[in-house]
Amino acid sequence: MNSVRSLRSLGAIYRWVHDIFRNALPITSYRYSSSARNTFINFVPQQEAWVVERMGKFYKILDPGLNILIPFLDRIKFVQNLREIAIEIPQQGAITLDNVQLQLDGVLYLRVFNPYRASYGVDDPEFAVTQLAQTTMRSEVGKISLDTVFKEREQLNESIVDAINKAAEPWGIKCMRYEIRDMHMPEKIQEAMQMQVEAERKKRAAILESEGHRESAINKAEGEKRAAILASEAREAEQVLIFRDIIVYEQCLFIM
């Protein structure tokens, strides 16, 4: 009976100590993960990096797998997701080089390549990159005309990626790619572009029709020319035959 009570007491003590170790030191920041806990034994998932502080100072980064920490001394401060993630960039206004107001939004794909910088280099990486993407988009669109925005969208996306990566390198974040998703413009500009497209279509149709008439006239002239040549050759051949018959006839008269 006493042994059973002792086991129950030990179990209660274990649960009490475990709860203290588990909950006494909450994690300051979860970055796209919620599996980390401040316990003695920790299992870090693949493609995650857990940033640990010891007594308030950076200690180390836990690799995937089994890791041992000292409760109260060691603390999981940040959890960084190393997988590529997509962030929607809200719609915003931008003015092109030829003063056309556009409304654009996009999708940004990024990845953490340095967990230490991503944890201590910036307070909120996602918010910082979103603001940077919006600022960069406005800046890059302002350097080109409206026609260039439509014709060279891929190059515009690459320019935005390069500008973001230059600014975000101290944050330990790399922009993999950026895609402009939707683009809206003033209604008057849309109508003008539609009229331009319609005019271009009519122009191409007129050119094709003119070329068709030209080809038809050329073919007709070539046919008439060929017919005239053939008629001339036929007359020449007929004259040759007549001339030959005359010669033969004269030869016969001479013999007689």
C-alpha atoms as a PDB file:
ATOM      1  CA  MET A   1       0.000   0.000   0.000  1.00  0.00           C
ATOM      2  CA  ASN A   2       2.813   2.358   0.893  1.00  0.00           C
ATOM      3  CA  SER A   3       4.611   1.517  -2.382  1.00  0.00           C
ATOM      4  CA  VAL A   4       1.510   2.428  -4.397  1.00  0.00           C
ATOM      5  CA  ARG A   5       1.252   5.749  -2.563  1.00  0.00           C
ATOM      6  CA  SER A   6       4.943   6.375  -3.203  1.00  0.00           C
ATOM      7  CA  LEU A   7       4.534   5.712  -6.925  1.00  0.00           C
ATOM      8  CA  ARG A   8       1.547   8.042  -7.085  1.00  0.00           C
ATOM      9  CA  SER A   9       3.528  10.733  -5.277  1.00  0.00           C
ATOM     10  CA  LEU A  10       6.454  10.331  -7.659  1.00  0.00           C
ATOM     11  CA  GLY A  11       4.095  10.526 -10.634  1.00  0.00           C
ATOM     12  CA  ALA A  12       2.540  13.710  -9.301  1.00  0.00           C
ATOM     13  CA  ILE A  13       5.966  15.234  -8.707  1.00  0.00           C
ATOM     14  CA  TYR A  14       7.060  14.263 -12.229  1.00  0.00           C
ATOM     15  CA  ARG A  15       3.998  15.855 -13.805  1.00  0.00           C
ATOM     16  CA  TRP A  16       4.490  18.987 -11.706  1.00  0.00           C
ATOM     17  CA  VAL A  17       8.153  19.326 -12.698  1.00  0.00           C
ATOM     18  CA  HIS A  18       7.309  18.560 -16.332  1.00  0.00           C
ATOM     19  CA  ASP A  19       4.641  21.259 -16.393  1.00  0.00           C
ATOM     20  CA  ILE A  20       7.055  23.765 -14.911  1.00  0.00           C
ATOM     21  CA  PHE A  21       9.719  22.961 -17.496  1.00  0.00           C
ATOM     22  CA  ARG A  22       7.149  22.991 -20.286  1.00  0.00           C
ATOM     23  CA  ASN A  23       5.316  26.194 -19.521  1.00  0.00           C
ATOM     24  CA  ALA A  24       7.600  28.364 -17.433  1.00  0.00           C
ATOM     25  CA  LEU A  25       9.499  29.779 -20.418  1.00  0.00           C
ATOM     26  CA  PRO A  26       7.195  30.441 -23.365  1.00  0.00           C
ATOM     27  CA  ILE A  27       8.678  30.923 -26.804  1.00  0.00           C
ATOM     28  CA  THR A  28       8.854  34.556 -27.835  1.00  0.00           C
ATOM     29  CA  SER A  29       8.185  34.162 -31.547  1.00  0.00           C
ATOM     30  CA  TYR A  30       6.782  31.421 -33.735  1.00  0.00           C
ATOM     31  CA  ARG A  31       7.674  31.967 -37.359  1.00  0.00           C
ATOM     32  CA  TYR A  32       5.243  29.794 -39.309  1.00  0.00           C
ATOM     33  CA  SER A  33       5.439  26.932 -36.759  1.00  0.00           C
ATOM     34  CA  SER A  34       3.905  26.010 -33.411  1.00  0.00           C
ATOM     35  CA  SER A  35       5.550  22.675 -32.592  1.00  0.00           C
ATOM     36  CA  ALA A  36       8.398  23.963 -30.409  1.00  0.00           C
ATOM     37  CA  ARG A  37       8.244  23.862 -26.605  1.00  0.00           C
ATOM     38  CA  ASN A  38      10.827  24.765 -23.974  1.00  0.00           C
ATOM     39  CA  THR A  39      11.469  21.268 -22.645  1.00  0.00           C
ATOM     40  CA  PHE A  40      14.503  19.187 -21.713  1.00  0.00           C
ATOM     41  CA  ILE A  41      14.242  16.958 -24.787  1.00  0.00           C
ATOM     42  CA  ASN A  42      13.340  18.576 -28.106  1.00  0.00           C
ATOM     43  CA  PHE A  43      12.729  17.074 -31.530  1.00  0.00           C
ATOM     44  CA  VAL A  44      13.238  19.652 -34.274  1.00  0.00           C
ATOM     45  CA  PRO A  45      11.272  18.915 -37.484  1.00  0.00           C
ATOM     46  CA  GLN A  46      12.932  18.866 -40.884  1.00  0.00           C
ATOM     47  CA  GLN A  47      13.178  22.274 -42.629  1.00  0.00           C
ATOM     48  CA  GLU A  48      12.939  24.187 -39.351  1.00  0.00           C
ATOM     49  CA  ALA A  49      15.571  26.070 -37.370  1.00  0.00           C
ATOM     50  CA  TRP A  50      15.071  26.757 -33.662  1.00  0.00           C
ATOM     51  CA  VAL A  51      17.043  29.718 -32.333  1.00  0.00           C
ATOM     52  CA  VAL A  52      18.061  29.176 -28.701  1.00  0.00           C
ATOM     53  CA  GLU A  53      19.162  31.768 -26.155  1.00  0.00           C
ATOM     54  CA  ARG A  54      21.005  30.959 -22.932  1.00  0.00           C
ATOM     55  CA  MET A  55      20.388  33.402 -20.116  1.00  0.00           C
ATOM     56  CA  GLY A  56      19.119  36.028 -22.564  1.00  0.00           C
ATOM     57  CA  LYS A  57      22.000  35.728 -25.032  1.00  0.00           C
ATOM     58  CA  PHE A  58      22.102  33.902 -28.357  1.00  0.00           C
ATOM     59  CA  TYR A  59      23.420  30.405 -27.767  1.00  0.00           C
ATOM     60  CA  LYS A  60      22.917  28.234 -30.860  1.00  0.00           C
ATOM     61  CA  ILE A  61      20.572  27.094 -33.609  1.00  0.00           C
ATOM     62  CA  LEU A  62      19.073  23.632 -33.221  1.00  0.00           C
ATOM     63  CA  ASP A  63      19.325  21.347 -36.235  1.00  0.00           C
ATOM     64  CA  PRO A  64      16.562  18.879 -37.206  1.00  0.00           C
ATOM     65  CA  GLY A  65      16.450  15.836 -34.939  1.00  0.00           C
ATOM     66  CA  LEU A  66      17.038  15.245 -31.225  1.00  0.00           C
ATOM     67  CA  ASN A  67      18.328  18.166 -29.159  1.00  0.00           C
ATOM     68  CA  ILE A  68      18.891  18.538 -25.406  1.00  0.00           C
ATOM     69  CA  LEU A  69      18.313  21.843 -23.613  1.00  0.00           C
ATOM     70  CA  ILE A  70      18.613  22.963 -20.013  1.00  0.00           C
ATOM     71  CA  PRO A  71      15.267  24.373 -18.806  1.00  0.00           C
ATOM     72  CA  PHE A  72      15.365  27.850 -17.234  1.00  0.00           C
ATOM     73  CA  LEU A  73      18.837  28.443 -18.715  1.00  0.00           C
ATOM     74  CA  ASP A  74      18.096  27.663 -22.360  1.00  0.00           C
ATOM     75  CA  ARG A  75      15.140  29.175 -24.128  1.00  0.00           C
ATOM     76  CA  ILE A  76      13.784  28.638 -27.641  1.00  0.00           C
ATOM     77  CA  LYS A  77      13.467  32.260 -28.704  1.00  0.00           C
ATOM     78  CA  PHE A  78      12.520  31.925 -32.379  1.00  0.00           C
ATOM     79  CA  VAL A  79      11.337  29.193 -34.725  1.00  0.00           C
ATOM     80  CA  GLN A  80      12.213  29.788 -38.375  1.00  0.00           C
ATOM     81  CA  ASN A  81      10.650  27.888 -41.263  1.00  0.00           C
ATOM     82  CA  LEU A  82      13.270  27.145 -43.926  1.00  0.00           C
ATOM     83  CA  ARG A  83      10.764  26.136 -46.601  1.00  0.00           C
ATOM     84  CA  GLU A  84       9.802  28.471 -49.423  1.00  0.00           C
ATOM     85  CA  ILE A  85       6.659  30.406 -48.576  1.00  0.00           C
ATOM     86  CA  ALA A  86       4.320  32.623 -50.606  1.00  0.00           C
ATOM     87  CA  ILE A  87       3.205  36.056 -49.413  1.00  0.00           C
ATOM     88  CA  GLU A  88       0.435  38.012 -51.077  1.00  0.00           C
ATOM     89  CA  ILE A  89       1.341  41.625 -51.792  1.00  0.00           C
ATOM     90  CA  PRO A  90      -1.754  43.844 -51.395  1.00  0.00           C
ATOM     91  CA  GLN A  91      -2.969  46.021 -54.241  1.00  0.00           C
ATOM     92  CA  GLN A  92      -1.305  49.407 -54.432  1.00  0.00           C
ATOM     93  CA  GLY A  93      -1.021  52.386 -56.753  1.00  0.00           C
ATOM     94  CA  ALA A  94       1.946  53.076 -59.014  1.00  0.00           C
ATOM     95  CA  ILE A  95       2.573  55.746 -61.661  1.00  0.00           C
ATOM     96  CA  THR A  96       4.402  54.848 -64.876  1.00  0.00           C
ATOM     97  CA  LEU A  97       6.976  56.998 -66.624  1.00  0.00           C
ATOM     98  CA  ASP A  98       4.255  58.372 -68.945  1.00  0.00           C
ATOM     99  CA  ASN A  99       2.057  59.317 -65.940  1.00  0.00           C
ATOM    100  CA  VAL A 100      -0.477  56.487 -66.066  1.00  0.00           C
ATOM    101  CA  GLN A 101      -1.956  55.448 -62.715  1.00  0.00           C
ATOM    102  CA  LEU A 102      -1.919  51.660 -62.226  1.00  0.00           C
ATOM    103  CA  GLN A 103      -3.235  49.419 -59.464  1.00  0.00           C
ATOM    104  CA  LEU A 104      -1.094  46.312 -59.034  1.00  0.00           C
ATOM    105  CA  ASP A 105      -0.858  43.375 -56.663  1.00  0.00           C
ATOM    106  CA  GLY A 106       1.374  40.333 -56.677  1.00  0.00           C
ATOM    107  CA  VAL A 107       2.754  37.245 -54.991  1.00  0.00           C
ATOM    108  CA  LEU A 108       6.189  37.096 -53.390  1.00  0.00           C
ATOM    109  CA  TYR A 109       8.026  33.799 -52.866  1.00  0.00           C
ATOM    110  CA  LEU A 110      10.782  33.879 -50.274  1.00  0.00           C
ATOM    111  CA  ARG A 111      12.938  31.625 -48.120  1.00  0.00           C
ATOM    112  CA  VAL A 112      14.964  32.067 -44.939  1.00  0.00           C
ATOM    113  CA  PHE A 113      18.618  31.264 -45.657  1.00  0.00           C
ATOM    114  CA  ASN A 114      20.099  32.609 -42.395  1.00  0.00           C
ATOM    115  CA  PRO A 115      17.975  31.882 -39.288  1.00  0.00           C
ATOM    116  CA  TYR A 116      20.150  34.084 -37.080  1.00  0.00           C
ATOM    117  CA  ARG A 117      19.708  37.180 -39.263  1.00  0.00           C
ATOM    118  CA  ALA A 118      16.014  36.455 -39.777  1.00  0.00           C
ATOM    119  CA  SER A 119      15.563  36.372 -35.994  1.00  0.00           C
ATOM    120  CA  TYR A 120      17.658  39.335 -34.922  1.00  0.00           C
ATOM    121  CA  GLY A 121      18.019  41.417 -38.095  1.00  0.00           C
ATOM    122  CA  VAL A 122      14.396  42.538 -38.344  1.00  0.00           C
ATOM    123  CA  ASP A 123      11.426  42.504 -35.992  1.00  0.00           C
ATOM    124  CA  ASP A 124       8.790  41.132 -38.398  1.00  0.00           C
ATOM    125  CA  PRO A 125      10.347  39.661 -41.576  1.00  0.00           C
ATOM    126  CA  GLU A 126       7.064  39.076 -43.375  1.00  0.00           C
ATOM    127  CA  PHE A 127       5.822  42.623 -42.789  1.00  0.00           C
ATOM    128  CA  ALA A 128       9.218  44.102 -43.677  1.00  0.00           C
ATOM    129  CA  VAL A 129       9.464  42.171 -46.950  1.00  0.00           C
ATOM    130  CA  THR A 130       5.870  43.072 -47.865  1.00  0.00           C
ATOM    131  CA  GLN A 131       6.569  46.771 -47.362  1.00  0.00           C
ATOM    132  CA  LEU A 132       9.834  46.462 -49.268  1.00  0.00           C
ATOM    133  CA  ALA A 133       8.089  44.701 -52.171  1.00  0.00           C
ATOM    134  CA  GLN A 134       5.458  47.434 -52.397  1.00  0.00           C
ATOM    135  CA  THR A 135       8.053  50.205 -52.329  1.00  0.00           C
ATOM    136  CA  THR A 136      10.224  48.439 -54.897  1.00  0.00           C
ATOM    137  CA  MET A 137       7.285  47.810 -57.219  1.00  0.00           C
ATOM    138  CA  ARG A 138       6.325  51.485 -57.202  1.00  0.00           C
ATOM    139  CA  SER A 139       9.916  52.487 -57.860  1.00  0.00           C
ATOM    140  CA  GLU A 140      10.460  50.045 -60.743  1.00  0.00           C
ATOM    141  CA  VAL A 141       7.120  50.825 -62.415  1.00  0.00           C
ATOM    142  CA  GLY A 142       7.935  54.533 -62.245  1.00  0.00           C
ATOM    143  CA  LYS A 143      11.022  53.957 -64.403  1.00  0.00           C
ATOM    144  CA  ILE A 144       9.185  52.550 -67.444  1.00  0.00           C
ATOM    145  CA  SER A 145       6.234  53.411 -69.679  1.00  0.00           C
ATOM    146  CA  LEU A 146       2.858  51.686 -69.747  1.00  0.00           C
ATOM    147  CA  ASP A 147       3.677  49.795 -72.954  1.00  0.00           C
ATOM    148  CA  THR A 148       6.897  48.517 -71.402  1.00  0.00           C
ATOM    149  CA  VAL A 149       4.999  47.277 -68.343  1.00  0.00           C
ATOM    150  CA  PHE A 150       2.887  45.074 -70.614  1.00  0.00           C
ATOM    151  CA  LYS A 151       5.659  44.008 -72.986  1.00  0.00           C
ATOM    152  CA  GLU A 152       8.386  43.329 -70.404  1.00  0.00           C
ATOM    153  CA  ARG A 153       6.522  42.067 -67.359  1.00  0.00           C
ATOM    154  CA  GLU A 154       9.025  39.241 -66.796  1.00  0.00           C
ATOM    155  CA  GLN A 155      11.922  41.685 -66.810  1.00  0.00           C
ATOM    156  CA  LEU A 156       9.990  43.915 -64.399  1.00  0.00           C
ATOM    157  CA  ASN A 157       9.497  40.957 -62.037  1.00  0.00           C
ATOM    158  CA  GLU A 158      13.225  40.184 -62.178  1.00  0.00           C
ATOM    159  CA  SER A 159      14.114  43.807 -61.430  1.00  0.00           C
ATOM    160  CA  ILE A 160      11.842  43.745 -58.372  1.00  0.00           C
ATOM    161  CA  VAL A 161      13.439  40.487 -57.155  1.00  0.00           C
ATOM    162  CA  ASP A 162      16.965  41.904 -57.536  1.00  0.00           C
ATOM    163  CA  ALA A 163      16.065  45.077 -55.646  1.00  0.00           C
ATOM    164  CA  ILE A 164      14.385  43.127 -52.824  1.00  0.00           C
ATOM    165  CA  ASN A 165      17.338  40.751 -52.430  1.00  0.00           C
ATOM    166  CA  LYS A 166      19.811  43.622 -52.143  1.00  0.00           C
ATOM    167  CA  ALA A 167      17.796  45.180 -49.323  1.00  0.00           C
ATOM    168  CA  ALA A 168      16.736  41.943 -47.572  1.00  0.00           C
ATOM    169  CA  GLU A 169      20.161  40.261 -47.401  1.00  0.00           C
ATOM    170  CA  PRO A 170      20.900  41.643 -43.877  1.00  0.00           C
ATOM    171  CA  TRP A 171      17.605  40.082 -42.764  1.00  0.00           C
ATOM    172  CA  GLY A 172      18.669  36.572 -43.797  1.00  0.00           C
ATOM    173  CA  ILE A 173      15.841  36.327 -46.324  1.00  0.00           C
ATOM    174  CA  LYS A 174      16.102  35.596 -50.040  1.00  0.00           C
ATOM    175  CA  CYS A 175      13.374  36.420 -52.554  1.00  0.00           C
ATOM    176  CA  MET A 176      13.078  33.480 -54.944  1.00  0.00           C
ATOM    177  CA  ARG A 177      10.682  35.121 -57.406  1.00  0.00           C
ATOM    178  CA  TYR A 178       7.987  37.756 -57.692  1.00  0.00           C
ATOM    179  CA  GLU A 179       4.885  37.638 -59.869  1.00  0.00           C
ATOM    180  CA  ILE A 180       2.664  40.602 -60.739  1.00  0.00           C
ATOM    181  CA  ARG A 181      -0.770  39.036 -60.517  1.00  0.00           C
ATOM    182  CA  ASP A 182      -3.407  41.642 -61.401  1.00  0.00           C
ATOM    183  CA  MET A 183      -3.042  44.998 -63.087  1.00  0.00           C
ATOM    184  CA  HIS A 184      -5.806  47.599 -63.275  1.00  0.00           C
ATOM    185  CA  MET A 185      -5.767  50.965 -65.019  1.00  0.00           C
ATOM    186  CA  PRO A 186      -8.167  53.914 -65.410  1.00  0.00           C
ATOM    187  CA  GLU A 187     -11.222  53.245 -67.554  1.00  0.00           C
ATOM    188  CA  LYS A 188     -10.302  55.965 -70.052  1.00  0.00           C
ATOM    189  CA  ILE A 189      -6.911  54.363 -70.599  1.00  0.00           C
ATOM    190  CA  GLN A 190      -8.558  50.992 -71.154  1.00  0.00           C
ATOM    191  CA  GLU A 191     -10.920  52.520 -73.728  1.00  0.00           C
ATOM    192  CA  ALA A 192      -8.029  54.244 -75.496  1.00  0.00           C
ATOM    193  CA  MET A 193      -6.052  51.002 -75.578  1.00  0.00           C
ATOM    194  CA  GLN A 194      -9.079  49.158 -76.928  1.00  0.00           C
ATOM    195  CA  MET A 195      -9.470  51.770 -79.675  1.00  0.00           C
ATOM    196  CA  GLN A 196      -5.785  51.438 -80.487  1.00  0.00           C
ATOM    197  CA  VAL A 197      -6.087  47.667 -80.706  1.00  0.00           C
ATOM    198  CA  GLU A 198      -9.138  48.020 -82.959  1.00  0.00           C
ATOM    199  CA  ALA A 199      -7.307  50.509 -85.183  1.00  0.00           C
ATOM    200  CA  GLU A 200      -4.316  48.182 -85.439  1.00  0.00           C
ATOM    201  CA  ARG A 201      -6.623  45.305 -86.345  1.00  0.00           C
ATOM    202  CA  LYS A 202      -8.311  47.342 -89.105  1.00  0.00           C
ATOM    203  CA  LYS A 203      -4.925  48.503 -90.357  1.00  0.00           C
ATOM    204  CA  ARG A 204      -3.651  44.935 -90.602  1.00  0.00           C
ATOM    205  CA  ALA A 205      -6.864  43.887 -92.363  1.00  0.00           C
ATOM    206  CA  ALA A 206      -6.495  46.736 -94.888  1.00  0.00           C
ATOM    207  CA  ILE A 207      -2.860  45.820 -95.501  1.00  0.00           C
ATOM    208  CA  LEU A 208      -3.753  42.185 -96.041  1.00  0.00           C
ATOM    209  CA  GLU A 209      -6.565  43.155 -98.413  1.00  0.00           C
ATOM    210  CA  SER A 210      -4.247  45.481-100.351  1.00  0.00           C
ATOM    211  CA  GLU A 211      -1.602  42.778-100.578  1.00  0.00           C
ATOM    212  CA  GLY A 212      -4.264  40.388-101.805  1.00  0.00           C
ATOM    213  CA  HIS A 213      -5.317  42.777-104.582  1.00  0.00           C
ATOM    214  CA  ARG A 214      -1.676  43.359-105.477  1.00  0.00           C
ATOM    215  CA  GLU A 215      -0.935  39.656-105.682  1.00  0.00           C
ATOM    216  CA  SER A 216      -4.054  39.165-107.791  1.00  0.00           C
ATOM    217  CA  ALA A 217      -3.037  41.951-110.190  1.00  0.00           C
ATOM    218  CA  ILE A 218       0.501  40.583-110.428  1.00  0.00           C
ATOM    219  CA  ASN A 219      -0.773  37.105-111.126  1.00  0.00           C
ATOM    220  CA  LYS A 220      -3.160  38.465-113.776  1.00  0.00           C
ATOM    221  CA  ALA A 221      -0.394  40.490-115.434  1.00  0.00           C
ATOM    222  CA  GLU A 222       1.950  37.520-115.329  1.00  0.00           C
ATOM    223  CA  GLY A 223      -0.746  35.388-116.927  1.00  0.00           C
ATOM    224  CA  GLU A 224      -1.389  37.915-119.691  1.00  0.00           C
ATOM    225  CA  LYS A 225       2.342  38.278-120.283  1.00  0.00           C
ATOM    226  CA  ARG A 226       2.758  34.544-120.533  1.00  0.00           C
ATOM    227  CA  ALA A 227      -0.180  34.285-122.886  1.00  0.00           C
ATOM    228  CA  ALA A 228       1.273  37.014-125.122  1.00  0.00           C
ATOM    229  CA  ILE A 229       4.648  35.258-125.180  1.00  0.00           C
ATOM    230  CA  LEU A 230       3.058  31.969-126.095  1.00  0.00           C
ATOM    231  CA  ALA A 231       0.983  33.636-128.853  1.00  0.00           C
ATOM    232  CA  SER A 232       4.089  35.342-130.232  1.00  0.00           C
ATOM    233  CA  GLU A 233       6.022  32.083-130.178  1.00  0.00           C
ATOM    234  CA  ALA A 234       3.133  30.362-131.952  1.00  0.00           C
ATOM    235  CA  ARG A 235       3.094  33.007-134.721  1.00  0.00           C
ATOM    236  CA  GLU A 236       6.849  32.741-135.158  1.00  0.00           C
ATOM    237  CA  ALA A 237       6.617  28.971-135.406  1.00  0.00           C
ATOM    238  CA  GLU A 238       3.807  29.295-137.962  1.00  0.00           C
ATOM    239  CA  GLN A 239       5.853  31.746-140.056  1.00  0.00           C
ATOM    240  CA  VAL A 240       8.837  29.385-139.957  1.00  0.00           C
ATOM    241  CA  LEU A 241       6.679  26.554-141.247  1.00  0.00           C
ATOM    242  CA  ILE A 242       5.245  28.742-144.014  1.00  0.00           C
ATOM    243  CA  PHE A 243       8.717  29.920-145.001  1.00  0.00           C
ATOM    244  CA  ARG A 244       9.985  26.338-145.084  1.00  0.00           C
ATOM    245  CA  ASP A 245       7.056  25.253-147.264  1.00  0.00           C
ATOM    246  CA  ILE A 246       7.785  28.085-149.694  1.00  0.00           C
ATOM    247  CA  ILE A 247      11.429  27.029-149.964  1.00  0.00           C
ATOM    248  CA  VAL A 248      10.441  23.428-150.620  1.00  0.00           C
ATOM    249  CA  TYR A 249       7.939  24.537-153.268  1.00  0.00           C
ATOM    250  CA  GLU A 250      10.524  26.700-155.031  1.00  0.00           C
ATOM    251  CA  GLN A 251      13.028  23.830-155.006  1.00  0.00           C
ATOM    252  CA  CYS A 252      10.462  21.562-156.652  1.00  0.00           C
ATOM    253  CA  LEU A 253       9.796  24.128-159.401  1.00  0.00           C
ATOM    254  CA  PHE A 254      13.525  24.492-160.045  1.00  0.00           C
ATOM    255  CA  ILE A 255      13.955  20.734-160.448  1.00  0.00           C
ATOM    256  CA  MET A 256      11.098  20.538-162.910  1.00  0.00           C
END
